[in-house]
Amino acid sequence: MPNAYLLKTEPSEYSFADLQKDKKTVWDGVHNPVALRNLSEMKPGDHLIVYETGDEKAAVGTASVVSVKVTDPKNPQVEVAAGKALAKPITLAEIKANKIFATSPLVRMGRLSVVPLTPEQYKFLASS
């Protein structure tokens, strides 16, 4: 099975709706070393959940990794393709209340913008 990750974005800068309109984009603007490492480890076909920060604070849609080029570890070029909007956004409160996220960096490292997900976590988020 492909790996899965959650990508955080500030909707006022680039929303899931923007990704759907563009169909594909290079995911950039990441500066945290752990998040950059997570981006660098992605492979084409990996599953993604797009999470909007700001007022919403919720998982809102799916996407997938199209290509990965890591010539500079501080600026991996990860192209992502839009998937579908979730039927119902899943709020951070709902995520924190679910025991499968108890040890997730999403909960433990709130500012991490690229978070690996277990298959179980991805299934929970993607199936809404």
C-alpha atoms as a PDB file:
ATOM      1  CA  MET A   1       0.000   0.000   0.000  1.00  0.00           C
ATOM      2  CA  PRO A   2       1.232   3.529  -0.686  1.00  0.00           C
ATOM      3  CA  ASN A   3       2.229   5.701   2.245  1.00  0.00           C
ATOM      4  CA  ALA A   4      -0.098   8.441   3.436  1.00  0.00           C
ATOM      5  CA  TYR A   5       0.529  11.959   4.661  1.00  0.00           C
ATOM      6  CA  LEU A   6      -1.448  14.946   5.844  1.00  0.00           C
ATOM      7  CA  LEU A   7      -0.541  18.302   4.298  1.00  0.00           C
ATOM      8  CA  LYS A   8      -1.473  21.463   6.176  1.00  0.00           C
ATOM      9  CA  THR A   9      -2.250  24.636   4.290  1.00  0.00           C
ATOM     10  CA  GLU A  10      -3.454  28.094   5.215  1.00  0.00           C
ATOM     11  CA  PRO A  11      -6.621  28.512   3.102  1.00  0.00           C
ATOM     12  CA  SER A  12      -6.088  32.269   2.705  1.00  0.00           C
ATOM     13  CA  GLU A  13      -2.772  31.455   0.968  1.00  0.00           C
ATOM     14  CA  TYR A  14      -3.666  28.241  -0.900  1.00  0.00           C
ATOM     15  CA  SER A  15      -6.870  26.354  -0.170  1.00  0.00           C
ATOM     16  CA  PHE A  16      -8.048  22.901  -1.160  1.00  0.00           C
ATOM     17  CA  ALA A  17     -10.462  24.660  -3.537  1.00  0.00           C
ATOM     18  CA  ASP A  18      -7.409  26.295  -5.179  1.00  0.00           C
ATOM     19  CA  LEU A  19      -5.813  22.862  -5.594  1.00  0.00           C
ATOM     20  CA  GLN A  20      -9.008  21.496  -7.143  1.00  0.00           C
ATOM     21  CA  LYS A  21      -9.138  24.449  -9.566  1.00  0.00           C
ATOM     22  CA  ASP A  22      -5.428  24.051 -10.472  1.00  0.00           C
ATOM     23  CA  LYS A  23      -5.737  20.218 -10.563  1.00  0.00           C
ATOM     24  CA  LYS A  24      -1.974  19.924  -9.738  1.00  0.00           C
ATOM     25  CA  THR A  25       0.619  21.988  -7.889  1.00  0.00           C
ATOM     26  CA  VAL A  26       4.115  21.760  -6.456  1.00  0.00           C
ATOM     27  CA  TRP A  27       3.734  21.714  -2.667  1.00  0.00           C
ATOM     28  CA  ASP A  28       6.061  24.393  -1.341  1.00  0.00           C
ATOM     29  CA  GLY A  29       6.444  26.898   1.448  1.00  0.00           C
ATOM     30  CA  VAL A  30       7.606  24.203   3.880  1.00  0.00           C
ATOM     31  CA  HIS A  31      10.474  25.197   6.190  1.00  0.00           C
ATOM     32  CA  ASN A  32      10.420  22.855   9.188  1.00  0.00           C
ATOM     33  CA  PRO A  33      13.242  20.254   8.872  1.00  0.00           C
ATOM     34  CA  VAL A  34      10.982  17.368   9.951  1.00  0.00           C
ATOM     35  CA  ALA A  35       8.266  18.416   7.486  1.00  0.00           C
ATOM     36  CA  LEU A  36      10.895  18.745   4.716  1.00  0.00           C
ATOM     37  CA  ARG A  37      12.148  15.234   5.481  1.00  0.00           C
ATOM     38  CA  ASN A  38       8.563  13.927   5.294  1.00  0.00           C
ATOM     39  CA  LEU A  39       8.117  15.632   1.909  1.00  0.00           C
ATOM     40  CA  SER A  40      11.416  14.166   0.664  1.00  0.00           C
ATOM     41  CA  GLU A  41      10.296  10.651   1.635  1.00  0.00           C
ATOM     42  CA  MET A  42       7.123  10.811  -0.469  1.00  0.00           C
ATOM     43  CA  LYS A  43       6.765   8.602  -3.539  1.00  0.00           C
ATOM     44  CA  PRO A  44       4.492   8.906  -6.573  1.00  0.00           C
ATOM     45  CA  GLY A  45       1.129   7.352  -5.760  1.00  0.00           C
ATOM     46  CA  ASP A  46       1.264   8.162  -2.037  1.00  0.00           C
ATOM     47  CA  HIS A  47      -2.094   9.213  -0.579  1.00  0.00           C
ATOM     48  CA  LEU A  48      -2.608  12.674   0.894  1.00  0.00           C
ATOM     49  CA  ILE A  49      -5.122  14.392   3.121  1.00  0.00           C
ATOM     50  CA  VAL A  50      -5.325  18.180   2.807  1.00  0.00           C
ATOM     51  CA  TYR A  51      -5.910  19.935   6.121  1.00  0.00           C
ATOM     52  CA  GLU A  52      -6.801  23.617   6.282  1.00  0.00           C
ATOM     53  CA  THR A  53      -5.475  25.632   9.210  1.00  0.00           C
ATOM     54  CA  GLY A  54      -6.707  29.083  10.155  1.00  0.00           C
ATOM     55  CA  ASP A  55     -10.323  29.369  11.263  1.00  0.00           C
ATOM     56  CA  GLU A  56     -11.364  25.990   9.886  1.00  0.00           C
ATOM     57  CA  LYS A  57      -8.753  23.616  11.407  1.00  0.00           C
ATOM     58  CA  ALA A  58     -10.099  20.569   9.574  1.00  0.00           C
ATOM     59  CA  ALA A  59      -9.212  17.869   7.078  1.00  0.00           C
ATOM     60  CA  VAL A  60     -11.098  18.876   3.945  1.00  0.00           C
ATOM     61  CA  GLY A  61      -9.976  16.778   0.972  1.00  0.00           C
ATOM     62  CA  THR A  62      -7.775  14.129  -0.593  1.00  0.00           C
ATOM     63  CA  ALA A  63      -4.883  14.368  -3.035  1.00  0.00           C
ATOM     64  CA  SER A  64      -2.080  12.175  -4.316  1.00  0.00           C
ATOM     65  CA  VAL A  65       1.627  12.507  -5.052  1.00  0.00           C
ATOM     66  CA  VAL A  66       2.344  12.754  -8.788  1.00  0.00           C
ATOM     67  CA  SER A  67       6.127  13.195  -8.746  1.00  0.00           C
ATOM     68  CA  VAL A  68       9.008  13.839  -6.366  1.00  0.00           C
ATOM     69  CA  LYS A  69      12.319  15.466  -7.215  1.00  0.00           C
ATOM     70  CA  VAL A  70      14.798  16.019  -4.388  1.00  0.00           C
ATOM     71  CA  THR A  71      17.830  17.803  -5.788  1.00  0.00           C
ATOM     72  CA  ASP A  72      17.907  20.150  -2.778  1.00  0.00           C
ATOM     73  CA  PRO A  73      16.837  18.620   0.570  1.00  0.00           C
ATOM     74  CA  LYS A  74      15.733  22.083   1.742  1.00  0.00           C
ATOM     75  CA  ASN A  75      13.397  22.423  -1.239  1.00  0.00           C
ATOM     76  CA  PRO A  76      11.987  19.066  -2.387  1.00  0.00           C
ATOM     77  CA  GLN A  77       9.779  19.399  -5.464  1.00  0.00           C
ATOM     78  CA  VAL A  78       6.667  17.347  -4.729  1.00  0.00           C
ATOM     79  CA  GLU A  79       3.903  17.659  -7.289  1.00  0.00           C
ATOM     80  CA  VAL A  80       0.472  16.806  -5.935  1.00  0.00           C
ATOM     81  CA  ALA A  81      -2.830  16.237  -7.729  1.00  0.00           C
ATOM     82  CA  ALA A  82      -6.204  17.146  -6.301  1.00  0.00           C
ATOM     83  CA  GLY A  83      -8.550  14.410  -5.227  1.00  0.00           C
ATOM     84  CA  LYS A  84     -12.041  14.801  -3.843  1.00  0.00           C
ATOM     85  CA  ALA A  85     -13.431  17.018  -1.136  1.00  0.00           C
ATOM     86  CA  LEU A  86     -14.392  15.089   1.979  1.00  0.00           C
ATOM     87  CA  ALA A  87     -18.163  14.678   2.388  1.00  0.00           C
ATOM     88  CA  LYS A  88     -17.798  16.367   5.768  1.00  0.00           C
ATOM     89  CA  PRO A  89     -14.682  18.176   7.016  1.00  0.00           C
ATOM     90  CA  ILE A  90     -13.086  16.446  10.011  1.00  0.00           C
ATOM     91  CA  THR A  91     -12.164  18.992  12.646  1.00  0.00           C
ATOM     92  CA  LEU A  92      -9.051  18.975  14.777  1.00  0.00           C
ATOM     93  CA  ALA A  93     -11.278  18.392  17.819  1.00  0.00           C
ATOM     94  CA  GLU A  94     -12.680  15.231  16.189  1.00  0.00           C
ATOM     95  CA  ILE A  95      -9.168  14.086  15.309  1.00  0.00           C
ATOM     96  CA  LYS A  96      -7.877  14.688  18.852  1.00  0.00           C
ATOM     97  CA  ALA A  97     -10.859  12.772  20.275  1.00  0.00           C
ATOM     98  CA  ASN A  98     -10.015   9.660  18.242  1.00  0.00           C
ATOM     99  CA  LYS A  99      -7.598   7.297  20.009  1.00  0.00           C
ATOM    100  CA  ILE A 100      -5.898   6.289  16.732  1.00  0.00           C
ATOM    101  CA  PHE A 101      -4.310   9.766  16.701  1.00  0.00           C
ATOM    102  CA  ALA A 102      -3.046   9.655  20.308  1.00  0.00           C
ATOM    103  CA  THR A 103       0.618   9.348  19.293  1.00  0.00           C
ATOM    104  CA  SER A 104       0.334  11.143  15.937  1.00  0.00           C
ATOM    105  CA  PRO A 105       2.621  14.104  15.247  1.00  0.00           C
ATOM    106  CA  LEU A 106      -0.568  15.858  14.112  1.00  0.00           C
ATOM    107  CA  VAL A 107      -1.622  15.993  17.753  1.00  0.00           C
ATOM    108  CA  ARG A 108       1.798  16.021  19.441  1.00  0.00           C
ATOM    109  CA  MET A 109       3.553  18.506  17.107  1.00  0.00           C
ATOM    110  CA  GLY A 110       0.798  20.944  16.188  1.00  0.00           C
ATOM    111  CA  ARG A 111       2.962  23.147  13.982  1.00  0.00           C
ATOM    112  CA  LEU A 112       4.245  20.305  11.788  1.00  0.00           C
ATOM    113  CA  SER A 113       2.931  20.978   8.263  1.00  0.00           C
ATOM    114  CA  VAL A 114       3.630  17.565   6.667  1.00  0.00           C
ATOM    115  CA  VAL A 115       2.543  14.667   8.871  1.00  0.00           C
ATOM    116  CA  PRO A 116       2.854  10.937   8.134  1.00  0.00           C
ATOM    117  CA  LEU A 117      -0.366   8.965   8.631  1.00  0.00           C
ATOM    118  CA  THR A 118      -0.869   5.302   9.451  1.00  0.00           C
ATOM    119  CA  PRO A 119      -3.171   3.346   7.100  1.00  0.00           C
ATOM    120  CA  GLU A 120      -5.812   3.383   9.839  1.00  0.00           C
ATOM    121  CA  GLN A 121      -5.547   7.176  10.268  1.00  0.00           C
ATOM    122  CA  TYR A 122      -5.743   7.745   6.516  1.00  0.00           C
ATOM    123  CA  LYS A 123      -8.802   5.501   6.203  1.00  0.00           C
ATOM    124  CA  PHE A 124     -10.558   7.375   9.037  1.00  0.00           C
ATOM    125  CA  LEU A 125      -9.873  10.761   7.444  1.00  0.00           C
ATOM    126  CA  ALA A 126     -10.492   9.809   3.803  1.00  0.00           C
ATOM    127  CA  SER A 127     -13.752   7.970   4.416  1.00  0.00           C
ATOM    128  CA  SER A 128     -15.773  10.935   5.670  1.00  0.00           C
END
